């Protein structure tokens, strides 16, 4: 997929205020400082589209971007920031729960994982919850360029082993790097395929 246009649409904290669900939508979520904004900028090749910050937990709103005038990329609030107040964390859970369950045009949620860090409880709990709710998601291992091939392979194997303790089948997984562009083509190819299915499905309903 060639991204010719990426435009910020809106930012809010109310599900009722989100754009109409008339285009396929893909959400990106992860622990604070996982490199989400950098990944989004890498995917769109538009530096500064998603704001990056050295302060964990800065993104506290649902941010919609229109890509190529035919699909939404959504930057979701980061989670797992220990210094965030309990009330804020509970607000995040409620907002995200509603978004993930009620957004009818949401095709995939990309859950970002820092490949250098061992499996975190907050990540595992989110994936377990989404699996229970039968919500499709993809795991994207970020910062893969920070490890050598042997260390990367070991880290990925360890994560898969952890997941297979409770799951019979693993979700889709991609390794990525915002510095080298690793994973960009694979992620965008997946989105491109799903967009075609969305268009075909919508057409069949109309006719």
C-alpha atoms as a PDB file:
ATOM      1  CA  UNK A   1       0.000   0.000   0.000  1.00  0.00           C
ATOM      2  CA  UNK A   2       1.164   3.497  -0.852  1.00  0.00           C
ATOM      3  CA  UNK A   3       0.029   6.137   1.618  1.00  0.00           C
ATOM      4  CA  UNK A   4      -0.500   9.353  -0.294  1.00  0.00           C
ATOM      5  CA  UNK A   5      -2.392  11.255   2.374  1.00  0.00           C
ATOM      6  CA  UNK A   6      -2.613  11.123   6.177  1.00  0.00           C
ATOM      7  CA  UNK A   7      -4.715  13.770   7.891  1.00  0.00           C
ATOM      8  CA  UNK A   8      -5.599  14.335  11.546  1.00  0.00           C
ATOM      9  CA  UNK A   9      -9.395  14.322  11.918  1.00  0.00           C
ATOM     10  CA  UNK A  10     -10.264  14.653  15.577  1.00  0.00           C
ATOM     11  CA  UNK A  11      -9.289  13.979  19.159  1.00  0.00           C
ATOM     12  CA  UNK A  12     -11.774  13.307  21.948  1.00  0.00           C
ATOM     13  CA  UNK A  13     -12.717  11.224  24.978  1.00  0.00           C
ATOM     14  CA  UNK A  14     -16.348  10.528  24.121  1.00  0.00           C
ATOM     15  CA  UNK A  15     -17.414   7.474  22.141  1.00  0.00           C
ATOM     16  CA  UNK A  16     -20.513   9.325  20.955  1.00  0.00           C
ATOM     17  CA  UNK A  17     -18.323  12.001  19.350  1.00  0.00           C
ATOM     18  CA  UNK A  18     -16.242   9.640  17.211  1.00  0.00           C
ATOM     19  CA  UNK A  19     -16.468   9.850  13.402  1.00  0.00           C
ATOM     20  CA  UNK A  20     -19.253   7.911  11.733  1.00  0.00           C
ATOM     21  CA  UNK A  21     -18.186   4.250  11.334  1.00  0.00           C
ATOM     22  CA  UNK A  22     -18.365   4.382   7.553  1.00  0.00           C
ATOM     23  CA  UNK A  23     -14.729   3.503   6.823  1.00  0.00           C
ATOM     24  CA  UNK A  24     -12.615   0.555   8.000  1.00  0.00           C
ATOM     25  CA  UNK A  25     -10.710   1.402  11.157  1.00  0.00           C
ATOM     26  CA  UNK A  26      -7.457   0.161  12.717  1.00  0.00           C
ATOM     27  CA  UNK A  27      -6.465   1.037  16.269  1.00  0.00           C
ATOM     28  CA  UNK A  28      -2.983   1.126  17.772  1.00  0.00           C
ATOM     29  CA  UNK A  29      -2.531   0.698  21.502  1.00  0.00           C
ATOM     30  CA  UNK A  30       0.269  -0.140  23.915  1.00  0.00           C
ATOM     31  CA  UNK A  31       1.952   0.602  27.185  1.00  0.00           C
ATOM     32  CA  UNK A  32       3.313   4.093  27.683  1.00  0.00           C
ATOM     33  CA  UNK A  33       6.646   4.647  25.895  1.00  0.00           C
ATOM     34  CA  UNK A  34       6.254   1.547  23.729  1.00  0.00           C
ATOM     35  CA  UNK A  35       6.961   3.646  20.632  1.00  0.00           C
ATOM     36  CA  UNK A  36       3.387   3.926  19.366  1.00  0.00           C
ATOM     37  CA  UNK A  37       3.617   7.454  18.002  1.00  0.00           C
ATOM     38  CA  UNK A  38       6.912   6.671  16.279  1.00  0.00           C
ATOM     39  CA  UNK A  39       5.397   3.564  14.680  1.00  0.00           C
ATOM     40  CA  UNK A  40       2.391   5.519  13.400  1.00  0.00           C
ATOM     41  CA  UNK A  41       4.679   8.163  11.915  1.00  0.00           C
ATOM     42  CA  UNK A  42       6.774   5.425  10.312  1.00  0.00           C
ATOM     43  CA  UNK A  43       3.754   3.700   8.800  1.00  0.00           C
ATOM     44  CA  UNK A  44       2.380   6.907   7.304  1.00  0.00           C
ATOM     45  CA  UNK A  45       5.818   8.339   6.469  1.00  0.00           C
ATOM     46  CA  UNK A  46       4.578  11.619   7.878  1.00  0.00           C
ATOM     47  CA  UNK A  47       6.913  12.870  10.575  1.00  0.00           C
ATOM     48  CA  UNK A  48       5.052  14.436  13.463  1.00  0.00           C
ATOM     49  CA  UNK A  49       1.610  13.103  12.493  1.00  0.00           C
ATOM     50  CA  UNK A  50       1.336  11.420  15.874  1.00  0.00           C
ATOM     51  CA  UNK A  51       2.997  13.436  18.598  1.00  0.00           C
ATOM     52  CA  UNK A  52       5.863  11.776  20.445  1.00  0.00           C
ATOM     53  CA  UNK A  53       6.871  12.647  23.976  1.00  0.00           C
ATOM     54  CA  UNK A  54       9.419  11.718  26.589  1.00  0.00           C
ATOM     55  CA  UNK A  55       6.675  11.972  29.205  1.00  0.00           C
ATOM     56  CA  UNK A  56       4.882   8.617  29.666  1.00  0.00           C
ATOM     57  CA  UNK A  57       1.114   8.592  29.455  1.00  0.00           C
ATOM     58  CA  UNK A  58       0.799  11.845  27.534  1.00  0.00           C
ATOM     59  CA  UNK A  59      -1.790  10.555  25.061  1.00  0.00           C
ATOM     60  CA  UNK A  60      -5.102  10.460  26.947  1.00  0.00           C
ATOM     61  CA  UNK A  61      -7.523  10.868  24.053  1.00  0.00           C
ATOM     62  CA  UNK A  62      -8.723   8.815  21.096  1.00  0.00           C
ATOM     63  CA  UNK A  63      -7.087  10.335  18.017  1.00  0.00           C
ATOM     64  CA  UNK A  64      -8.461   9.666  14.538  1.00  0.00           C
ATOM     65  CA  UNK A  65      -6.463  10.054  11.331  1.00  0.00           C
ATOM     66  CA  UNK A  66      -7.897   9.628   7.834  1.00  0.00           C
ATOM     67  CA  UNK A  67      -5.560   7.695   5.548  1.00  0.00           C
ATOM     68  CA  UNK A  68      -5.892   7.913   1.759  1.00  0.00           C
ATOM     69  CA  UNK A  69      -9.453   9.141   2.253  1.00  0.00           C
ATOM     70  CA  UNK A  70     -10.616   5.546   2.726  1.00  0.00           C
ATOM     71  CA  UNK A  71      -9.604   4.253   6.172  1.00  0.00           C
ATOM     72  CA  UNK A  72      -9.063   5.409   9.720  1.00  0.00           C
ATOM     73  CA  UNK A  73      -5.923   4.967  11.767  1.00  0.00           C
ATOM     74  CA  UNK A  74      -6.623   5.428  15.476  1.00  0.00           C
ATOM     75  CA  UNK A  75      -4.075   6.327  18.129  1.00  0.00           C
ATOM     76  CA  UNK A  76      -5.416   5.077  21.470  1.00  0.00           C
ATOM     77  CA  UNK A  77      -4.281   6.267  24.920  1.00  0.00           C
ATOM     78  CA  UNK A  78      -1.272   4.484  26.381  1.00  0.00           C
ATOM     79  CA  UNK A  79      -1.686   2.325  29.467  1.00  0.00           C
ATOM     80  CA  UNK A  80       0.455   0.841  32.237  1.00  0.00           C
ATOM     81  CA  UNK A  81       1.885   4.133  33.488  1.00  0.00           C
ATOM     82  CA  UNK A  82       2.375   3.578  37.221  1.00  0.00           C
ATOM     83  CA  UNK A  83       2.243   7.272  38.168  1.00  0.00           C
ATOM     84  CA  UNK A  84      -1.129   7.851  36.562  1.00  0.00           C
ATOM     85  CA  UNK A  85      -3.871   8.223  39.185  1.00  0.00           C
ATOM     86  CA  UNK A  86      -6.137   5.248  39.838  1.00  0.00           C
ATOM     87  CA  UNK A  87      -9.132   7.306  38.733  1.00  0.00           C
ATOM     88  CA  UNK A  88      -7.413   8.036  35.424  1.00  0.00           C
ATOM     89  CA  UNK A  89      -6.604   4.360  34.912  1.00  0.00           C
ATOM     90  CA  UNK A  90     -10.203   3.397  35.597  1.00  0.00           C
ATOM     91  CA  UNK A  91     -11.376   6.074  33.182  1.00  0.00           C
ATOM     92  CA  UNK A  92      -9.016   4.598  30.548  1.00  0.00           C
ATOM     93  CA  UNK A  93     -10.404   1.092  31.070  1.00  0.00           C
ATOM     94  CA  UNK A  94     -13.988   2.286  30.724  1.00  0.00           C
ATOM     95  CA  UNK A  95     -13.269   4.364  27.629  1.00  0.00           C
ATOM     96  CA  UNK A  96     -11.257   1.639  25.923  1.00  0.00           C
ATOM     97  CA  UNK A  97     -13.748  -1.057  26.831  1.00  0.00           C
ATOM     98  CA  UNK A  98     -16.555   0.867  25.185  1.00  0.00           C
ATOM     99  CA  UNK A  99     -14.464   1.755  22.154  1.00  0.00           C
ATOM    100  CA  UNK A 100     -13.253  -1.777  21.491  1.00  0.00           C
ATOM    101  CA  UNK A 101     -16.672  -3.347  22.031  1.00  0.00           C
ATOM    102  CA  UNK A 102     -18.883  -0.768  20.336  1.00  0.00           C
ATOM    103  CA  UNK A 103     -16.869   0.460  17.352  1.00  0.00           C
ATOM    104  CA  UNK A 104     -18.553  -1.513  14.570  1.00  0.00           C
ATOM    105  CA  UNK A 105     -16.035  -0.620  11.840  1.00  0.00           C
ATOM    106  CA  UNK A 106     -12.968  -1.592  13.893  1.00  0.00           C
ATOM    107  CA  UNK A 107     -11.191  -4.295  11.900  1.00  0.00           C
ATOM    108  CA  UNK A 108      -8.018  -4.890  13.921  1.00  0.00           C
ATOM    109  CA  UNK A 109      -6.435  -3.560  17.072  1.00  0.00           C
ATOM    110  CA  UNK A 110      -2.654  -3.546  16.884  1.00  0.00           C
ATOM    111  CA  UNK A 111      -1.256  -4.179  20.358  1.00  0.00           C
ATOM    112  CA  UNK A 112       2.295  -2.872  20.569  1.00  0.00           C
ATOM    113  CA  UNK A 113       4.875  -4.682  22.694  1.00  0.00           C
ATOM    114  CA  UNK A 114       8.443  -3.553  23.410  1.00  0.00           C
ATOM    115  CA  UNK A 115      10.327  -6.673  22.344  1.00  0.00           C
ATOM    116  CA  UNK A 116      13.156  -5.931  24.769  1.00  0.00           C
ATOM    117  CA  UNK A 117      10.918  -6.294  27.818  1.00  0.00           C
ATOM    118  CA  UNK A 118       9.618  -9.559  29.230  1.00  0.00           C
ATOM    119  CA  UNK A 119       5.843 -10.150  29.038  1.00  0.00           C
ATOM    120  CA  UNK A 120       3.977  -7.585  31.137  1.00  0.00           C
ATOM    121  CA  UNK A 121       0.801  -8.376  33.038  1.00  0.00           C
ATOM    122  CA  UNK A 122      -1.090  -5.383  31.636  1.00  0.00           C
ATOM    123  CA  UNK A 123      -0.369  -6.492  28.060  1.00  0.00           C
ATOM    124  CA  UNK A 124      -1.345 -10.102  28.757  1.00  0.00           C
ATOM    125  CA  UNK A 125      -4.551  -9.046  30.492  1.00  0.00           C
ATOM    126  CA  UNK A 126      -5.571  -6.870  27.547  1.00  0.00           C
ATOM    127  CA  UNK A 127      -4.946  -9.693  25.089  1.00  0.00           C
ATOM    128  CA  UNK A 128      -6.822 -12.199  27.258  1.00  0.00           C
ATOM    129  CA  UNK A 129      -9.773  -9.821  27.512  1.00  0.00           C
ATOM    130  CA  UNK A 130      -9.851  -9.251  23.762  1.00  0.00           C
ATOM    131  CA  UNK A 131      -9.644 -12.980  23.107  1.00  0.00           C
ATOM    132  CA  UNK A 132     -12.547 -13.596  25.487  1.00  0.00           C
ATOM    133  CA  UNK A 133     -14.593 -10.952  23.676  1.00  0.00           C
ATOM    134  CA  UNK A 134     -13.540 -12.417  20.288  1.00  0.00           C
ATOM    135  CA  UNK A 135     -12.099  -9.076  19.217  1.00  0.00           C
ATOM    136  CA  UNK A 136      -9.428  -9.489  16.499  1.00  0.00           C
ATOM    137  CA  UNK A 137      -6.001  -8.110  17.294  1.00  0.00           C
ATOM    138  CA  UNK A 138      -2.432  -8.222  16.036  1.00  0.00           C
ATOM    139  CA  UNK A 139       0.729  -8.103  18.146  1.00  0.00           C
ATOM    140  CA  UNK A 140       3.416  -5.718  16.915  1.00  0.00           C
ATOM    141  CA  UNK A 141       6.813  -6.035  18.563  1.00  0.00           C
ATOM    142  CA  UNK A 142       8.422  -2.605  18.519  1.00  0.00           C
ATOM    143  CA  UNK A 143      12.079  -1.550  18.754  1.00  0.00           C
ATOM    144  CA  UNK A 144      13.228  -4.784  17.124  1.00  0.00           C
ATOM    145  CA  UNK A 145      16.304  -3.036  15.767  1.00  0.00           C
ATOM    146  CA  UNK A 146      17.568  -2.627  19.329  1.00  0.00           C
ATOM    147  CA  UNK A 147      18.330  -6.352  19.535  1.00  0.00           C
ATOM    148  CA  UNK A 148      20.646  -8.537  17.478  1.00  0.00           C
ATOM    149  CA  UNK A 149      19.087 -11.360  15.487  1.00  0.00           C
ATOM    150  CA  UNK A 150      19.846 -14.030  18.088  1.00  0.00           C
ATOM    151  CA  UNK A 151      18.505 -11.941  20.972  1.00  0.00           C
ATOM    152  CA  UNK A 152      15.427 -10.973  18.935  1.00  0.00           C
ATOM    153  CA  UNK A 153      14.663 -14.595  18.073  1.00  0.00           C
ATOM    154  CA  UNK A 154      14.999 -15.551  21.743  1.00  0.00           C
ATOM    155  CA  UNK A 155      12.726 -12.726  22.852  1.00  0.00           C
ATOM    156  CA  UNK A 156      10.045 -13.646  20.305  1.00  0.00           C
ATOM    157  CA  UNK A 157      10.270 -17.331  21.215  1.00  0.00           C
ATOM    158  CA  UNK A 158       9.895 -16.513  24.907  1.00  0.00           C
ATOM    159  CA  UNK A 159       6.811 -14.404  24.243  1.00  0.00           C
ATOM    160  CA  UNK A 160       5.192 -17.079  22.103  1.00  0.00           C
ATOM    161  CA  UNK A 161       5.917 -19.668  24.784  1.00  0.00           C
ATOM    162  CA  UNK A 162       4.229 -17.468  27.372  1.00  0.00           C
ATOM    163  CA  UNK A 163       1.108 -17.062  25.247  1.00  0.00           C
ATOM    164  CA  UNK A 164       0.894 -20.757  24.399  1.00  0.00           C
ATOM    165  CA  UNK A 165       0.523 -21.558  28.070  1.00  0.00           C
ATOM    166  CA  UNK A 166      -3.087 -20.384  27.787  1.00  0.00           C
ATOM    167  CA  UNK A 167      -3.792 -20.274  24.056  1.00  0.00           C
ATOM    168  CA  UNK A 168      -4.024 -23.018  21.470  1.00  0.00           C
ATOM    169  CA  UNK A 169      -3.378 -20.661  18.577  1.00  0.00           C
ATOM    170  CA  UNK A 170      -1.264 -17.533  18.411  1.00  0.00           C
ATOM    171  CA  UNK A 171      -2.512 -14.243  16.949  1.00  0.00           C
ATOM    172  CA  UNK A 172      -0.800 -12.574  14.026  1.00  0.00           C
ATOM    173  CA  UNK A 173       2.563 -11.095  14.987  1.00  0.00           C
ATOM    174  CA  UNK A 174       4.924  -8.630  13.336  1.00  0.00           C
ATOM    175  CA  UNK A 175       8.349  -7.346  14.306  1.00  0.00           C
ATOM    176  CA  UNK A 176       8.813  -3.642  13.679  1.00  0.00           C
ATOM    177  CA  UNK A 177      11.230  -0.753  13.952  1.00  0.00           C
ATOM    178  CA  UNK A 178      10.354   2.895  13.530  1.00  0.00           C
ATOM    179  CA  UNK A 179      14.027   3.576  12.748  1.00  0.00           C
ATOM    180  CA  UNK A 180      14.537   1.053   9.947  1.00  0.00           C
ATOM    181  CA  UNK A 181      10.972   0.673   8.680  1.00  0.00           C
ATOM    182  CA  UNK A 182      10.906  -3.026   9.565  1.00  0.00           C
ATOM    183  CA  UNK A 183       7.359  -4.373   9.495  1.00  0.00           C
ATOM    184  CA  UNK A 184       5.881  -1.456   7.587  1.00  0.00           C
ATOM    185  CA  UNK A 185       5.081  -3.344   4.389  1.00  0.00           C
ATOM    186  CA  UNK A 186       3.657  -6.335   6.267  1.00  0.00           C
ATOM    187  CA  UNK A 187       1.342  -4.223   8.429  1.00  0.00           C
ATOM    188  CA  UNK A 188       0.121  -2.090   5.530  1.00  0.00           C
ATOM    189  CA  UNK A 189      -0.384  -5.154   3.316  1.00  0.00           C
ATOM    190  CA  UNK A 190      -2.622  -6.669   5.997  1.00  0.00           C
ATOM    191  CA  UNK A 191      -4.617  -3.439   6.232  1.00  0.00           C
ATOM    192  CA  UNK A 192      -4.893  -3.256   2.438  1.00  0.00           C
ATOM    193  CA  UNK A 193      -6.367  -6.762   2.262  1.00  0.00           C
ATOM    194  CA  UNK A 194      -8.843  -6.035   5.039  1.00  0.00           C
ATOM    195  CA  UNK A 195      -9.893  -2.788   3.351  1.00  0.00           C
ATOM    196  CA  UNK A 196     -10.802  -4.696   0.209  1.00  0.00           C
ATOM    197  CA  UNK A 197     -12.885  -7.130   2.251  1.00  0.00           C
ATOM    198  CA  UNK A 198     -14.632  -4.202   3.954  1.00  0.00           C
ATOM    199  CA  UNK A 199     -15.514  -2.624   0.615  1.00  0.00           C
ATOM    200  CA  UNK A 200     -16.766  -5.918  -0.807  1.00  0.00           C
ATOM    201  CA  UNK A 201     -18.825  -6.638   2.309  1.00  0.00           C
ATOM    202  CA  UNK A 202     -20.359  -3.151   2.299  1.00  0.00           C
ATOM    203  CA  UNK A 203     -21.189  -3.455  -1.389  1.00  0.00           C
ATOM    204  CA  UNK A 204     -22.919  -6.802  -0.864  1.00  0.00           C
ATOM    205  CA  UNK A 205     -25.108  -5.314   1.884  1.00  0.00           C
ATOM    206  CA  UNK A 206     -26.097  -2.357  -0.295  1.00  0.00           C
ATOM    207  CA  UNK A 207     -26.988  -4.514  -3.271  1.00  0.00           C
END
